[in-house]
N, C-alpha and C. Protein backbone atom coordinates (compact mmCIF):
# COMPACT_ATOMS: atom_id res chain seq x y z
N MET A 1 -114.45 97.66 0.51
CA MET A 1 -114.19 96.57 0.92
C MET A 1 -115.17 95.28 0.62
N THR A 2 -114.20 94.11 0.40
CA THR A 2 -115.08 92.68 0.30
C THR A 2 -115.12 91.97 1.86
N LEU A 3 -115.68 90.93 2.07
CA LEU A 3 -115.78 90.56 3.54
C LEU A 3 -114.37 89.62 3.69
N ILE A 4 -113.77 88.95 2.36
CA ILE A 4 -112.33 88.87 2.18
C ILE A 4 -111.33 89.35 2.97
N ASP A 5 -111.51 90.77 2.58
CA ASP A 5 -110.29 91.49 3.26
C ASP A 5 -110.74 92.07 4.39
N ALA A 6 -112.33 92.46 4.66
CA ALA A 6 -112.19 92.69 6.13
C ALA A 6 -112.07 91.70 7.04
N GLN A 7 -112.28 90.35 6.66
CA GLN A 7 -111.54 88.96 7.50
C GLN A 7 -110.19 89.53 7.79
N ALA A 8 -109.26 89.91 6.41
CA ALA A 8 -107.69 89.69 6.60
C ALA A 8 -107.04 90.99 7.39
N SER A 9 -108.05 91.64 7.26
CA SER A 9 -107.88 93.06 8.42
C SER A 9 -108.10 93.12 9.69
N ASN A 10 -109.10 91.89 9.95
CA ASN A 10 -109.76 91.49 11.44
C ASN A 10 -108.41 90.45 12.00
N ASN A 11 -108.35 89.87 11.10
CA ASN A 11 -107.45 88.99 12.02
C ASN A 11 -105.63 89.72 12.17
N ARG A 12 -105.31 90.61 10.83
CA ARG A 12 -104.05 91.20 11.55
C ARG A 12 -104.43 92.22 12.65
N ASP A 13 -105.72 92.69 12.89
CA ASP A 13 -105.40 93.59 13.84
C ASP A 13 -105.28 92.49 15.42
N LEU A 14 -106.21 91.36 15.38
CA LEU A 14 -106.40 90.47 16.42
C LEU A 14 -105.05 89.72 16.73
N GLY A 15 -104.08 89.56 15.37
CA GLY A 15 -103.65 88.52 15.38
C GLY A 15 -101.95 88.95 15.75
N GLY A 16 -101.33 90.57 15.47
CA GLY A 16 -100.10 91.18 15.98
C GLY A 16 -99.43 91.02 15.10
N ALA A 17 -98.22 91.30 14.84
CA ALA A 17 -97.35 91.12 14.41
C ALA A 17 -96.59 90.12 15.16
N SER A 18 -95.92 89.30 14.73
CA SER A 18 -94.54 88.21 15.06
C SER A 18 -93.33 88.93 16.01
N PHE A 19 -93.17 90.13 14.73
CA PHE A 19 -92.10 90.55 15.45
C PHE A 19 -91.84 92.08 15.99
N SER A 20 -91.25 92.81 17.00
CA SER A 20 -91.40 93.83 17.21
C SER A 20 -90.54 94.69 16.45
N LEU A 21 -90.91 95.78 16.91
CA LEU A 21 -90.69 97.24 16.11
C LEU A 21 -88.83 97.21 16.37
N ARG A 22 -88.22 97.28 17.32
CA ARG A 22 -87.15 96.96 17.45
C ARG A 22 -86.14 96.16 16.13
N ASN A 23 -86.92 94.66 16.29
CA ASN A 23 -86.43 93.62 15.71
C ASN A 23 -86.45 93.53 14.49
N ARG A 24 -88.03 94.63 13.74
CA ARG A 24 -88.06 94.78 12.16
C ARG A 24 -87.06 95.89 11.81
N ILE A 25 -86.77 96.97 12.82
CA ILE A 25 -85.66 97.87 12.10
C ILE A 25 -84.38 97.35 11.92
N THR A 26 -84.19 96.58 12.79
CA THR A 26 -82.76 95.86 13.08
C THR A 26 -82.55 95.25 11.91
N ARG A 27 -83.63 94.24 10.85
CA ARG A 27 -83.32 93.69 10.25
C ARG A 27 -83.37 94.48 9.01
N ILE A 28 -84.01 95.41 9.06
CA ILE A 28 -83.83 96.29 7.25
C ILE A 28 -82.71 97.16 7.79
N CYS A 29 -81.59 97.32 8.66
CA CYS A 29 -80.68 98.04 8.85
C CYS A 29 -79.25 97.01 8.53
N TRP A 30 -79.90 95.90 8.87
CA TRP A 30 -79.02 94.55 8.44
C TRP A 30 -79.03 94.10 6.89
N LYS A 31 -80.18 94.20 6.41
CA LYS A 31 -80.23 94.06 4.74
C LYS A 31 -79.40 95.21 4.18
N LEU A 32 -79.41 96.48 4.51
CA LEU A 32 -78.86 97.85 3.96
C LEU A 32 -77.68 97.44 4.11
N CYS A 33 -77.23 97.02 5.36
CA CYS A 33 -75.38 96.83 5.41
C CYS A 33 -74.98 95.88 4.54
N TRP A 34 -75.84 94.60 5.16
CA TRP A 34 -74.91 93.70 3.69
C TRP A 34 -75.42 94.14 2.55
N THR A 35 -76.31 94.60 2.17
CA THR A 35 -76.34 94.99 0.19
C THR A 35 -75.38 95.99 0.33
N LEU A 36 -74.81 97.18 1.01
CA LEU A 36 -74.13 98.42 0.19
C LEU A 36 -72.40 97.62 0.36
N LEU A 37 -72.57 96.84 1.74
CA LEU A 37 -71.02 96.60 2.63
C LEU A 37 -70.75 94.87 2.14
N GLY A 38 -71.34 94.04 2.16
CA GLY A 38 -71.33 92.73 1.95
C GLY A 38 -71.33 92.00 0.94
N LYS A 39 -72.56 92.08 0.29
CA LYS A 39 -73.28 91.37 -0.86
C LYS A 39 -72.00 90.99 -1.67
N TRP A 40 -71.76 92.52 -2.14
CA TRP A 40 -70.79 92.64 -3.55
C TRP A 40 -69.52 92.02 -3.49
N THR A 41 -69.24 91.81 -2.64
CA THR A 41 -67.23 91.81 -1.96
C THR A 41 -67.28 90.31 -2.98
N PRO A 42 -65.64 90.39 -3.04
CA PRO A 42 -65.38 89.25 -3.85
C PRO A 42 -65.32 87.98 -2.50
N PRO A 43 -65.17 86.83 -3.24
CA PRO A 43 -65.22 85.68 -2.55
C PRO A 43 -63.80 86.26 -1.82
N PRO A 44 -62.61 86.24 -1.32
CA PRO A 44 -62.00 86.31 -0.61
C PRO A 44 -62.13 86.92 0.70
N LEU A 45 -63.25 87.89 0.66
CA LEU A 45 -63.01 88.37 1.43
C LEU A 45 -63.98 88.26 3.21
N HIS A 46 -63.48 86.97 3.06
CA HIS A 46 -64.24 86.20 4.26
C HIS A 46 -64.46 87.13 5.87
N ARG A 47 -62.98 87.52 6.08
CA ARG A 47 -63.04 88.49 7.45
C ARG A 47 -63.91 89.63 7.59
N TRP A 48 -64.24 90.06 6.48
CA TRP A 48 -65.04 91.23 5.95
C TRP A 48 -65.88 91.01 6.22
N ARG A 49 -66.50 89.57 6.17
CA ARG A 49 -68.47 89.83 5.95
C ARG A 49 -68.16 89.03 7.37
N CYS A 50 -67.57 88.88 8.28
CA CYS A 50 -67.48 87.95 9.35
C CYS A 50 -67.70 89.24 10.34
N ILE A 51 -67.12 90.23 10.27
CA ILE A 51 -66.80 91.49 10.90
C ILE A 51 -68.03 91.82 10.81
N LEU A 52 -68.59 92.43 9.49
CA LEU A 52 -70.76 92.79 9.66
C LEU A 52 -71.02 92.28 10.27
N LEU A 53 -71.18 90.56 10.50
CA LEU A 53 -72.19 90.23 10.93
C LEU A 53 -71.84 90.27 12.78
N ARG A 54 -70.81 90.06 13.09
CA ARG A 54 -70.39 90.44 14.38
C ARG A 54 -71.12 91.72 14.63
N LEU A 55 -71.09 92.46 13.87
CA LEU A 55 -71.40 94.05 14.39
C LEU A 55 -72.79 94.23 14.25
N PHE A 56 -73.31 93.07 13.89
CA PHE A 56 -75.11 93.03 13.80
C PHE A 56 -75.39 91.95 15.18
N GLY A 57 -74.28 91.57 16.05
CA GLY A 57 -74.53 90.30 17.20
C GLY A 57 -74.58 89.23 16.79
N ALA A 58 -73.98 88.69 15.69
CA ALA A 58 -73.73 87.30 15.80
C ALA A 58 -72.28 86.92 16.07
N LYS A 59 -72.38 85.79 16.98
CA LYS A 59 -71.06 85.09 17.12
C LYS A 59 -70.75 84.30 16.34
N VAL A 60 -69.23 84.71 15.63
CA VAL A 60 -68.52 83.82 14.78
C VAL A 60 -66.92 83.88 15.22
N GLY A 61 -67.10 82.52 15.17
CA GLY A 61 -65.65 81.93 15.36
C GLY A 61 -64.48 82.33 14.54
N ARG A 62 -63.28 81.84 14.46
CA ARG A 62 -62.30 82.16 13.79
C ARG A 62 -62.20 81.06 12.57
N GLY A 63 -61.83 81.69 11.27
CA GLY A 63 -61.21 80.96 10.38
C GLY A 63 -62.76 81.02 9.86
N VAL A 64 -63.65 81.48 9.90
CA VAL A 64 -65.06 80.90 9.16
C VAL A 64 -65.34 81.69 7.62
N ARG A 65 -65.74 81.10 6.80
CA ARG A 65 -65.63 81.28 5.48
C ARG A 65 -67.21 81.39 5.08
N ILE A 66 -67.65 82.60 4.69
CA ILE A 66 -68.99 83.40 4.34
C ILE A 66 -69.17 83.69 3.12
N TYR A 67 -69.83 83.43 2.34
CA TYR A 67 -69.86 84.31 1.06
C TYR A 67 -71.09 85.40 0.72
N GLY A 68 -70.73 86.21 -0.15
CA GLY A 68 -71.36 87.28 -0.17
C GLY A 68 -73.16 87.37 -0.48
N SER A 69 -73.11 86.24 -1.03
CA SER A 69 -74.80 85.83 -1.52
C SER A 69 -75.23 84.95 -0.84
N THR A 70 -74.72 84.79 0.17
CA THR A 70 -75.96 83.99 1.41
C THR A 70 -76.15 84.85 2.00
N ILE A 71 -77.55 84.81 2.74
CA ILE A 71 -78.73 85.42 2.76
C ILE A 71 -78.91 84.76 4.45
N ILE A 72 -78.68 85.64 5.20
CA ILE A 72 -78.81 85.84 6.78
C ILE A 72 -80.47 86.56 7.33
N TRP A 73 -80.73 85.87 7.41
CA TRP A 73 -82.34 87.18 8.42
C TRP A 73 -82.12 87.54 9.55
N LEU A 74 -81.57 87.23 10.15
CA LEU A 74 -80.99 87.98 11.77
C LEU A 74 -79.67 87.78 12.04
N PRO A 75 -78.53 88.35 12.08
CA PRO A 75 -77.33 87.86 12.88
C PRO A 75 -77.64 87.58 13.97
N SER A 76 -78.37 88.09 15.17
CA SER A 76 -78.07 88.26 16.11
C SER A 76 -78.84 86.58 16.67
N ASN A 77 -79.14 85.88 15.84
CA ASN A 77 -79.68 84.53 16.11
C ASN A 77 -78.63 83.29 15.01
N LEU A 78 -77.58 83.79 14.93
CA LEU A 78 -76.94 83.31 14.45
C LEU A 78 -75.80 83.06 15.30
N ALA A 79 -75.35 81.54 15.58
CA ALA A 79 -73.99 81.27 16.13
C ALA A 79 -73.20 80.55 14.95
N ILE A 80 -72.01 80.77 15.01
CA ILE A 80 -71.07 80.04 14.15
C ILE A 80 -69.71 79.37 14.97
N GLY A 81 -69.31 78.42 14.67
CA GLY A 81 -68.07 77.69 15.07
C GLY A 81 -67.05 78.14 14.75
N ASP A 82 -65.24 77.35 14.72
CA ASP A 82 -64.38 77.93 14.27
C ASP A 82 -64.02 77.13 12.94
N SER A 83 -63.91 78.05 11.68
CA SER A 83 -63.70 76.90 10.31
C SER A 83 -64.82 76.21 9.75
N VAL A 84 -65.82 77.11 9.95
CA VAL A 84 -66.73 76.54 9.08
C VAL A 84 -67.05 77.04 7.82
N ILE A 85 -67.66 76.71 6.69
CA ILE A 85 -67.69 77.42 5.33
C ILE A 85 -69.31 77.45 5.42
N ILE A 86 -69.75 78.47 4.87
CA ILE A 86 -70.91 78.58 4.65
C ILE A 86 -71.21 78.79 3.14
N GLY A 87 -71.58 77.98 2.10
CA GLY A 87 -71.21 78.43 0.95
C GLY A 87 -72.17 79.19 0.44
N PRO A 88 -71.91 79.76 -1.03
CA PRO A 88 -72.53 80.64 -2.00
C PRO A 88 -73.95 79.99 -1.82
N ARG A 89 -74.86 81.19 -1.76
CA ARG A 89 -76.61 81.28 -1.71
C ARG A 89 -76.82 80.29 -1.14
N ALA A 90 -76.39 79.93 0.17
CA ALA A 90 -77.16 79.69 1.28
C ALA A 90 -78.09 80.37 2.19
N ASN A 91 -78.97 80.19 2.46
CA ASN A 91 -80.24 80.70 2.85
C ASN A 91 -80.08 80.50 4.71
N LEU A 92 -79.67 80.91 5.26
CA LEU A 92 -80.01 80.67 7.02
C LEU A 92 -81.37 81.59 7.29
N TYR A 93 -82.25 81.36 7.15
CA TYR A 93 -83.88 81.44 7.83
C TYR A 93 -84.05 81.62 9.27
N ASN A 94 -82.90 82.14 9.99
CA ASN A 94 -83.27 82.22 11.06
C ASN A 94 -83.83 83.31 12.22
N GLN A 95 -85.08 83.06 12.02
CA GLN A 95 -85.91 83.70 12.65
C GLN A 95 -85.82 83.40 14.25
N GLY A 96 -85.79 81.74 14.23
CA GLY A 96 -85.24 81.25 15.53
C GLY A 96 -83.70 81.15 15.54
N VAL A 97 -83.15 80.28 16.38
CA VAL A 97 -81.50 80.69 16.62
C VAL A 97 -81.39 79.34 15.43
N ILE A 98 -80.19 79.57 15.05
CA ILE A 98 -79.27 78.63 14.51
C ILE A 98 -77.90 78.49 14.77
N GLU A 99 -77.18 77.48 15.35
CA GLU A 99 -75.96 77.48 16.45
C GLU A 99 -75.56 76.54 14.98
N ILE A 100 -74.15 76.62 14.36
CA ILE A 100 -73.41 75.84 13.74
C ILE A 100 -71.94 75.61 14.55
N GLY A 101 -71.72 74.05 14.44
CA GLY A 101 -70.52 73.60 15.36
C GLY A 101 -69.21 73.69 14.46
N ASN A 102 -68.26 73.68 15.14
CA ASN A 102 -66.71 73.84 14.38
C ASN A 102 -66.82 72.72 13.50
N ARG A 103 -65.84 73.52 12.32
CA ARG A 103 -65.41 72.32 11.16
C ARG A 103 -66.64 71.88 10.67
N ALA A 104 -68.08 72.78 10.58
CA ALA A 104 -69.27 72.23 9.87
C ALA A 104 -69.42 72.85 8.09
N VAL A 105 -69.62 72.06 7.65
CA VAL A 105 -70.04 72.74 6.03
C VAL A 105 -71.16 72.86 5.72
N ILE A 106 -71.85 74.33 5.06
CA ILE A 106 -73.26 74.23 4.86
C ILE A 106 -72.86 74.66 3.36
N SER A 107 -72.96 74.00 2.42
CA SER A 107 -72.80 74.03 1.44
C SER A 107 -73.61 74.58 0.37
N GLN A 108 -73.48 75.37 -1.21
CA GLN A 108 -74.21 76.08 -1.92
C GLN A 108 -75.23 76.12 -2.03
N GLY A 109 -76.32 76.70 -2.02
CA GLY A 109 -77.78 76.95 -1.94
C GLY A 109 -78.73 75.96 -1.06
N ALA A 110 -77.93 75.47 0.07
CA ALA A 110 -78.56 74.93 1.06
C ALA A 110 -79.34 76.07 2.02
N HIS A 111 -80.53 75.55 2.52
CA HIS A 111 -81.63 76.57 3.11
C HIS A 111 -82.00 76.03 4.84
N LEU A 112 -81.63 76.71 5.49
CA LEU A 112 -81.66 76.34 7.18
C LEU A 112 -83.06 77.03 7.59
N CYS A 113 -84.04 76.68 7.67
CA CYS A 113 -85.66 77.22 8.09
C CYS A 113 -85.56 77.55 9.61
N ALA A 114 -85.51 78.11 10.47
CA ALA A 114 -85.51 77.89 12.00
C ALA A 114 -87.15 78.04 12.86
N SER A 115 -88.02 78.12 11.81
CA SER A 115 -89.51 78.46 12.42
C SER A 115 -90.56 77.85 11.89
N SER A 116 -91.32 77.59 11.87
CA SER A 116 -92.44 77.35 11.26
C SER A 116 -94.37 78.27 11.81
N HIS A 117 -95.43 77.53 11.46
CA HIS A 117 -96.21 78.32 12.04
C HIS A 117 -97.37 77.17 12.90
N ASP A 118 -98.18 77.55 13.50
CA ASP A 118 -98.57 76.52 14.33
C ASP A 118 -100.70 76.42 13.58
N VAL A 119 -100.22 75.54 12.82
CA VAL A 119 -101.47 75.10 11.92
C VAL A 119 -102.90 75.17 12.45
N ASN A 120 -102.48 74.96 14.10
CA ASN A 120 -103.95 74.72 14.59
C ASN A 120 -103.83 76.14 15.28
N ASP A 121 -103.69 77.54 14.86
CA ASP A 121 -104.15 78.15 15.25
C ASP A 121 -104.74 78.97 14.61
N TYR A 122 -105.28 79.67 14.60
CA TYR A 122 -106.30 80.54 14.02
C TYR A 122 -105.40 81.85 12.46
N TYR A 123 -104.56 82.22 13.12
CA TYR A 123 -103.77 83.26 13.15
C TYR A 123 -102.41 82.51 12.06
N PHE A 124 -102.41 81.09 12.39
CA PHE A 124 -101.00 80.70 11.83
C PHE A 124 -99.82 81.25 12.68
N GLN A 125 -99.46 81.70 13.83
CA GLN A 125 -98.81 82.21 14.69
C GLN A 125 -97.94 81.21 14.63
N LEU A 126 -96.45 82.27 14.56
CA LEU A 126 -94.80 81.79 14.60
C LEU A 126 -94.68 81.07 15.17
N VAL A 127 -94.02 80.01 15.11
CA VAL A 127 -93.36 78.98 16.44
C VAL A 127 -91.86 79.03 15.93
N LEU A 128 -91.15 79.45 16.73
CA LEU A 128 -89.54 79.49 16.65
C LEU A 128 -88.90 77.91 17.10
N ARG A 129 -88.49 77.51 16.45
CA ARG A 129 -87.40 76.19 16.20
C ARG A 129 -86.42 76.03 16.30
N PRO A 130 -85.38 76.30 16.93
CA PRO A 130 -83.97 76.54 16.79
C PRO A 130 -83.45 74.92 16.12
N ILE A 131 -82.33 75.51 15.16
CA ILE A 131 -81.87 74.43 14.69
C ILE A 131 -80.02 74.41 15.34
N ARG A 132 -79.71 73.19 15.12
CA ARG A 132 -78.57 73.31 15.52
C ARG A 132 -77.63 72.01 14.59
N VAL A 133 -76.29 72.56 14.12
CA VAL A 133 -75.73 71.93 13.31
C VAL A 133 -74.34 71.27 14.08
N ALA A 134 -73.72 70.15 14.17
CA ALA A 134 -73.16 70.20 15.41
C ALA A 134 -71.86 69.89 14.84
N PRO A 135 -70.79 69.77 15.26
CA PRO A 135 -69.31 69.78 14.67
C PRO A 135 -69.01 68.77 13.61
N ASN A 136 -68.29 69.03 12.46
CA ASN A 136 -67.84 68.00 11.39
C ASN A 136 -69.18 67.61 10.39
N ALA A 137 -70.58 68.41 10.80
CA ALA A 137 -71.34 68.01 9.96
C ALA A 137 -70.94 68.71 8.51
N TRP A 138 -72.08 68.02 7.63
CA TRP A 138 -71.74 68.52 6.21
C TRP A 138 -73.16 68.59 5.70
N ILE A 139 -73.75 69.73 5.31
CA ILE A 139 -75.25 69.73 4.82
C ILE A 139 -75.06 70.07 3.55
N ALA A 140 -75.16 69.30 2.16
CA ALA A 140 -74.62 69.52 1.09
C ALA A 140 -75.61 70.23 0.23
N ALA A 141 -75.32 70.49 -0.89
CA ALA A 141 -76.06 71.42 -2.15
C ALA A 141 -77.15 71.23 -2.32
N GLU A 142 -77.82 72.72 -1.89
CA GLU A 142 -79.36 72.87 -1.97
C GLU A 142 -80.29 71.47 -0.78
N ALA A 143 -79.61 71.15 0.16
CA ALA A 143 -80.26 70.69 0.83
C ALA A 143 -80.95 71.41 1.50
N PHE A 144 -82.15 70.74 2.94
CA PHE A 144 -83.38 71.78 3.50
C PHE A 144 -83.04 71.32 4.59
N VAL A 145 -82.62 72.12 5.60
CA VAL A 145 -83.18 71.56 6.81
C VAL A 145 -83.96 72.17 7.79
N GLY A 146 -85.21 71.25 8.17
CA GLY A 146 -86.42 72.00 8.91
C GLY A 146 -86.42 72.69 10.44
N PRO A 147 -87.18 73.23 10.96
CA PRO A 147 -87.33 74.16 11.96
C PRO A 147 -86.92 72.73 13.32
N GLY A 148 -86.18 72.78 14.05
CA GLY A 148 -86.18 72.12 15.45
C GLY A 148 -85.22 70.96 15.29
N VAL A 149 -84.42 70.86 14.06
CA VAL A 149 -84.05 69.61 13.27
C VAL A 149 -82.40 70.03 14.35
N THR A 150 -81.68 68.77 14.71
CA THR A 150 -80.40 68.70 15.04
C THR A 150 -79.63 67.74 14.29
N ILE A 151 -78.69 68.24 13.47
CA ILE A 151 -77.99 67.48 12.85
C ILE A 151 -76.74 66.75 13.80
N GLY A 152 -76.54 65.42 13.93
CA GLY A 152 -75.54 65.15 14.60
C GLY A 152 -74.20 65.27 14.22
N GLU A 153 -73.25 65.16 15.25
CA GLU A 153 -71.47 65.55 15.02
C GLU A 153 -71.88 64.40 13.68
N GLY A 154 -70.57 64.95 12.81
CA GLY A 154 -70.02 64.53 11.33
C GLY A 154 -71.39 63.56 10.81
N ALA A 155 -72.41 64.14 10.94
CA ALA A 155 -73.41 63.67 10.05
C ALA A 155 -73.21 64.23 8.70
N VAL A 156 -73.51 63.60 7.76
CA VAL A 156 -73.65 64.12 6.25
C VAL A 156 -75.25 64.15 5.73
N LEU A 157 -76.02 65.29 5.19
CA LEU A 157 -77.33 65.29 4.39
C LEU A 157 -76.89 65.93 3.05
N GLY A 158 -77.03 64.56 2.46
CA GLY A 158 -76.90 64.88 0.90
C GLY A 158 -77.50 65.91 0.15
N ALA A 159 -77.23 65.70 -1.13
CA ALA A 159 -77.75 67.23 -1.83
C ALA A 159 -79.19 66.92 -2.06
N ARG A 160 -79.88 68.19 -2.03
CA ARG A 160 -81.32 68.19 -1.87
C ARG A 160 -82.13 67.44 -1.21
N ALA A 161 -81.24 66.79 -0.07
CA ALA A 161 -81.95 65.99 0.88
C ALA A 161 -82.90 66.80 1.42
N VAL A 162 -84.02 66.57 2.47
CA VAL A 162 -84.76 67.02 2.86
C VAL A 162 -84.78 66.31 4.90
N ALA A 163 -84.11 67.07 5.77
CA ALA A 163 -84.21 66.80 6.98
C ALA A 163 -85.38 67.64 8.27
N MET A 164 -86.30 66.76 8.43
CA MET A 164 -87.49 66.98 9.24
C MET A 164 -87.43 66.66 10.16
N ARG A 165 -86.06 65.74 10.86
CA ARG A 165 -86.20 64.96 11.90
C ARG A 165 -84.31 64.88 12.22
N ASN A 166 -83.94 64.79 13.34
CA ASN A 166 -82.54 64.89 14.31
C ASN A 166 -82.08 63.68 13.16
N LEU A 167 -80.81 64.23 12.49
CA LEU A 167 -80.01 63.12 11.94
C LEU A 167 -79.00 62.66 13.11
N GLU A 168 -78.27 61.18 13.18
CA GLU A 168 -78.02 60.61 14.14
C GLU A 168 -76.07 60.74 13.42
N PRO A 169 -75.75 60.88 14.68
CA PRO A 169 -74.11 61.43 14.46
C PRO A 169 -73.30 60.44 13.67
N TRP A 170 -72.91 61.29 12.81
CA TRP A 170 -71.60 60.47 11.71
C TRP A 170 -72.51 59.45 10.54
N GLY A 171 -73.83 59.85 10.90
CA GLY A 171 -74.67 58.62 9.51
C GLY A 171 -74.65 59.15 8.39
N ILE A 172 -75.03 59.32 7.11
CA ILE A 172 -75.00 59.82 6.10
C ILE A 172 -76.64 59.72 5.43
N TYR A 173 -77.09 60.47 4.94
CA TYR A 173 -78.54 60.36 4.74
C TYR A 173 -78.43 61.27 3.35
N SER A 174 -79.85 60.67 2.74
CA SER A 174 -80.18 60.96 1.35
C SER A 174 -81.83 61.24 1.37
N GLY A 175 -81.99 62.01 0.25
CA GLY A 175 -83.65 61.77 -0.17
C GLY A 175 -84.49 62.69 0.57
N ASN A 176 -85.97 62.83 0.56
CA ASN A 176 -86.90 63.76 0.62
C ASN A 176 -88.27 62.30 0.72
N PRO A 177 -88.22 62.07 2.56
CA PRO A 177 -87.52 63.18 3.80
C PRO A 177 -86.09 62.56 3.48
N ALA A 178 -85.06 62.08 4.33
CA ALA A 178 -83.87 61.92 4.19
C ALA A 178 -83.58 60.83 4.91
N LYS A 179 -83.28 59.74 4.40
CA LYS A 179 -83.29 58.54 5.08
C LYS A 179 -81.86 58.06 5.59
N TYR A 180 -81.43 57.64 6.79
CA TYR A 180 -80.33 56.95 6.52
C TYR A 180 -79.94 55.90 5.54
N LEU A 181 -78.54 55.93 5.28
CA LEU A 181 -77.67 55.06 3.82
C LEU A 181 -76.94 53.97 4.38
N LYS A 182 -76.10 54.90 5.30
CA LYS A 182 -74.87 54.05 6.02
C LYS A 182 -73.83 54.72 6.94
N GLN A 183 -72.92 54.44 7.57
CA GLN A 183 -72.13 54.98 8.77
C GLN A 183 -71.14 55.96 7.72
N ARG A 184 -70.74 56.84 8.43
CA ARG A 184 -69.90 57.98 7.77
C ARG A 184 -68.30 57.38 8.29
N VAL A 185 -67.65 57.05 7.44
CA VAL A 185 -66.34 56.33 7.67
C VAL A 185 -64.96 57.27 6.61
N PHE A 186 -64.02 57.71 7.70
CA PHE A 186 -62.98 58.61 7.21
C PHE A 186 -61.76 58.44 8.02
N GLN A 187 -60.71 59.11 7.33
CA GLN A 187 -59.79 58.70 7.70
C GLN A 187 -58.98 59.73 8.53
N GLN A 188 -58.97 59.81 9.69
CA GLN A 188 -58.38 60.98 10.86
C GLN A 188 -56.73 61.65 9.95
N LEU A 189 -56.81 63.15 10.39
CA LEU A 189 -55.79 63.55 9.78
C LEU A 189 -54.29 63.10 10.91
N PRO A 190 -53.34 63.19 10.35
CA PRO A 190 -51.93 62.99 10.69
C PRO A 190 -51.54 63.96 12.27
């Protein structure tokens, strides 16, 4: 064993696991369930996938459309409002809580990450920082939302943009890091 291996072993022993055994077993069961019963299902079976999420503790509203290729780390850390769309290949890395408001859209390939690491800690301990996506917001294709970010009501985060700070309501943002472009203007439904 080299000095580096010994140091790594000591770090694991002193730092400990970030998650309990129960949490790890739950995630294994969830991955197995999703792989066998949800991941391969045809796109129209949104209700079925919502049932699976609810069985593992997710709060899922009515009329939610979620695709089989979506990746969800832990359903019990997920709250989804009514009429939400979570597109294909979206990654909800919800070690911390992710809340998605009514009528929000998370487009294909978007990545929401609700945790980080304490860079000042010797063991880089995990820091959970919840994400909130307010009603009527849109996170476009392949965009990234970082830990602790709130996407304001009706805000739009453009394709491949990176939000590491809160986005104001009804603003349109783009780029890396996301910058405010203009106010969102839309017509009310009759």
